[in-house]
Amino acid sequence: MGQCRRLLIVSNRLPITAIEKDGEVSFKESVGGLVSGLSAYLDSLRSCDFTPGTEYVWVGWPGITAAEDAQNRLREQLRNRYHACPVFLSEEAMENFYLGFCNRIIWPIFHYLPSFASFDDAYWTHYREVNASFCDAVMKIARPGDVVWVHDYHLMLVPGMLRKRMHEAAIGFFLHIPF
């Protein structure tokens, strides 16, 4: 019997948030509609006789900027405990990608409020770089037959980037805000 088909869920945040306090890392469940909805879906897959052995990996930012020497340990913990593959980002990248491009440009434009958009070339540069980092993370774990499901406006470039590198892959994209 061959390997089962895996679902690679790619979103800005992981369903688990890493928290560092006094040099120790702990985890708590992330909040939000995407995590709630997809977690319920993944639970239903595990309990369904129709899809025995369904495997998934969730790719996303773990909620902290981890020092390079701590990344491998954190990566292993997230993989083994939560079926998660972290994408580590610098504080500067998060500032320009998430707070900048995503929240100051895409959010107001997609909600029909263009006068509230604030443009900066650095935002676009970081948006492209972060999307490339997510694409690279998927490429490191992808296997033939995987289904890649990319979520939301934070990662709109990822499906196209993946398509250039994974010509035969099943790649889906779901936008969670109006357009």
Protein backbone atom coordinates (compact mmCIF):
# COMPACT_ATOMS: atom_id res chain seq x y z
CA MET A 1 0.00 0.00 0.00
CA GLY A 2 1.41 3.44 -0.97
CA GLN A 3 1.56 6.57 1.10
CA CYS A 4 -1.72 8.31 1.77
CA ARG A 5 -2.35 11.66 0.18
CA ARG A 6 -1.43 14.50 2.52
CA LEU A 7 -3.08 17.85 2.90
CA LEU A 8 -0.65 20.75 3.30
CA ILE A 9 -2.49 23.69 4.85
CA VAL A 10 -0.61 26.94 4.31
CA SER A 11 -1.68 29.99 6.30
CA ASN A 12 -0.10 33.05 7.81
CA ARG A 13 -0.36 31.63 11.35
CA LEU A 14 -0.13 28.13 12.71
CA PRO A 15 -3.03 26.77 14.78
CA ILE A 16 -0.57 26.77 17.68
CA THR A 17 1.21 29.88 18.95
CA ALA A 18 4.67 29.56 20.46
CA ILE A 19 5.26 31.73 23.51
CA GLU A 20 8.70 32.38 24.94
CA LYS A 21 9.02 33.32 28.60
CA ASP A 22 12.21 33.26 30.65
CA GLY A 23 13.99 31.28 27.93
CA GLU A 24 11.31 28.54 27.87
CA VAL A 25 8.92 27.97 24.98
CA SER A 26 5.35 26.87 25.55
CA PHE A 27 2.42 26.52 23.17
CA LYS A 28 -1.19 27.64 23.22
CA GLU A 29 -3.98 27.23 20.72
CA SER A 30 -4.22 30.13 18.29
CA VAL A 31 -7.50 31.99 18.07
CA GLY A 32 -9.43 32.98 14.99
CA GLY A 33 -11.98 31.77 12.49
CA LEU A 34 -9.52 30.02 10.18
CA VAL A 35 -8.03 27.94 12.99
CA SER A 36 -11.47 27.10 14.41
CA GLY A 37 -12.96 26.14 11.07
CA LEU A 38 -10.04 24.11 9.79
CA SER A 39 -9.44 22.41 13.13
CA ALA A 40 -13.04 21.19 13.10
CA TYR A 41 -12.57 19.97 9.52
CA LEU A 42 -9.35 18.13 10.42
CA ASP A 43 -11.06 16.54 13.43
CA SER A 44 -13.85 15.32 11.14
CA LEU A 45 -11.28 13.75 8.79
CA ARG A 46 -9.72 11.82 11.66
CA SER A 47 -13.08 10.43 12.76
CA CYS A 48 -14.39 9.56 9.31
CA ASP A 49 -14.20 5.96 8.06
CA PHE A 50 -14.04 7.25 4.49
CA THR A 51 -10.61 8.87 4.96
CA PRO A 52 -8.62 6.56 7.22
CA GLY A 53 -5.02 7.59 7.69
CA THR A 54 -5.54 11.11 6.36
CA GLU A 55 -2.39 13.01 7.06
CA TYR A 56 -1.90 16.76 7.14
CA VAL A 57 0.82 19.30 7.81
CA TRP A 58 0.01 22.90 8.70
CA VAL A 59 2.58 25.42 7.41
CA GLY A 60 2.65 28.86 9.04
CA TRP A 61 4.33 31.41 11.29
CA PRO A 62 4.60 30.17 14.90
CA GLY A 63 3.90 33.57 16.47
CA ILE A 64 7.43 34.39 17.62
CA THR A 65 10.74 35.40 16.14
CA ALA A 66 13.01 32.54 17.18
CA ALA A 67 16.78 32.77 17.42
CA GLU A 68 18.49 30.66 14.77
CA ASP A 69 19.90 28.23 17.34
CA ALA A 70 16.40 27.57 18.72
CA GLN A 71 14.66 27.09 15.37
CA ASN A 72 15.52 23.41 14.86
CA ARG A 73 14.28 22.44 18.33
CA LEU A 74 11.09 24.44 17.84
CA ARG A 75 10.62 22.97 14.35
CA GLU A 76 10.90 19.42 15.75
CA GLN A 77 8.47 20.10 18.62
CA LEU A 78 5.88 21.59 16.28
CA ARG A 79 6.22 18.76 13.77
CA ASN A 80 5.98 15.97 16.34
CA ARG A 81 3.28 17.43 18.59
CA TYR A 82 1.11 19.45 16.20
CA HIS A 83 1.70 18.31 12.58
CA ALA A 84 3.04 21.82 11.99
CA CYS A 85 5.87 23.22 9.90
CA PRO A 86 6.92 26.68 11.10
CA VAL A 87 8.04 29.48 8.81
CA PHE A 88 10.37 31.70 10.81
CA LEU A 89 10.27 35.42 10.05
CA SER A 90 12.23 38.36 11.38
CA GLU A 91 10.52 41.15 13.28
CA GLU A 92 11.29 43.49 10.36
CA ALA A 93 9.63 41.10 7.91
CA MET A 94 6.54 40.81 10.11
CA GLU A 95 6.37 44.57 10.51
CA ASN A 96 6.53 45.25 6.76
CA PHE A 97 4.71 42.13 5.51
CA TYR A 98 1.92 41.73 8.04
CA LEU A 99 1.40 45.15 9.61
CA GLY A 100 2.51 46.94 6.45
CA PHE A 101 1.39 45.32 3.21
CA CYS A 102 -1.36 43.07 4.57
CA ASN A 103 -2.98 45.43 7.06
CA ARG A 104 -2.19 48.86 5.57
CA ILE A 105 -2.74 48.05 1.89
CA ILE A 106 -4.63 44.83 1.17
CA TRP A 107 -7.12 45.01 4.04
CA PRO A 108 -8.47 48.51 3.26
CA ILE A 109 -8.45 47.99 -0.52
CA PHE A 110 -10.27 44.65 -0.35
CA HIS A 111 -12.83 46.17 2.03
CA TYR A 112 -13.56 49.03 -0.39
CA LEU A 113 -11.69 51.61 1.69
CA PRO A 114 -8.83 52.65 -0.63
CA SER A 115 -8.48 56.07 0.98
CA PHE A 116 -7.23 54.29 4.13
CA ALA A 117 -4.44 52.45 2.27
CA SER A 118 -0.89 53.51 3.06
CA PHE A 119 1.68 52.60 0.40
CA ASP A 120 5.37 51.92 0.95
CA ASP A 121 7.75 50.10 -1.40
CA ALA A 122 9.28 48.21 1.54
CA TYR A 123 5.88 46.65 2.25
CA TRP A 124 5.71 45.13 -1.24
CA THR A 125 9.32 43.92 -1.08
CA HIS A 126 8.70 42.12 2.21
CA TYR A 127 5.36 40.75 1.03
CA ARG A 128 7.08 39.08 -1.94
CA GLU A 129 9.95 37.81 0.24
CA VAL A 130 7.66 36.36 2.90
CA ASN A 131 5.50 34.67 0.27
CA ALA A 132 8.71 33.18 -1.21
CA SER A 133 9.67 31.92 2.27
CA PHE A 134 6.32 30.16 2.58
CA CYS A 135 6.76 28.67 -0.88
CA ASP A 136 10.22 27.41 0.08
CA ALA A 137 8.84 25.87 3.29
CA VAL A 138 6.21 23.97 1.31
CA MET A 139 8.81 22.81 -1.20
CA LYS A 140 10.94 21.35 1.62
CA ILE A 141 8.15 19.08 2.84
CA ALA A 142 6.05 18.45 -0.29
CA ARG A 143 5.70 14.94 -1.66
CA PRO A 144 4.16 13.79 -4.93
CA GLY A 145 0.40 13.57 -4.55
CA ASP A 146 0.11 16.15 -1.77
CA VAL A 147 -2.77 18.60 -1.94
CA VAL A 148 -1.65 22.15 -1.10
CA TRP A 149 -4.34 24.46 0.29
CA VAL A 150 -3.20 28.09 0.67
CA HIS A 151 -5.26 30.49 2.77
CA ASP A 152 -5.98 34.17 2.68
CA TYR A 153 -4.67 37.49 1.48
CA HIS A 154 -1.39 37.23 3.36
CA LEU A 155 -0.19 34.55 0.94
CA MET A 156 -1.80 35.39 -2.40
CA LEU A 157 1.50 34.98 -4.28
CA VAL A 158 2.24 31.50 -2.92
CA PRO A 159 -0.01 29.48 -5.29
CA GLY A 160 1.66 30.99 -8.36
CA MET A 161 5.12 30.52 -6.90
CA LEU A 162 4.33 26.88 -6.13
CA ARG A 163 2.86 26.27 -9.58
CA LYS A 164 6.17 27.31 -11.18
CA ARG A 165 7.96 24.67 -9.12
CA MET A 166 5.28 21.98 -8.78
CA HIS A 167 3.70 21.69 -12.23
CA GLU A 168 1.46 18.70 -11.47
CA ALA A 169 0.47 19.52 -7.88
CA ALA A 170 -3.09 20.05 -6.71
CA ILE A 171 -3.00 23.62 -5.37
CA GLY A 172 -6.01 25.43 -3.96
CA PHE A 173 -6.44 28.96 -2.66
CA PHE A 174 -9.14 30.29 -0.36
CA LEU A 175 -9.60 34.03 0.21
CA HIS A 176 -11.27 34.71 3.55
CA ILE A 177 -12.11 38.39 2.98
CA PRO A 178 -14.23 40.20 0.36
CA PHE A 179 -12.74 41.22 -2.97
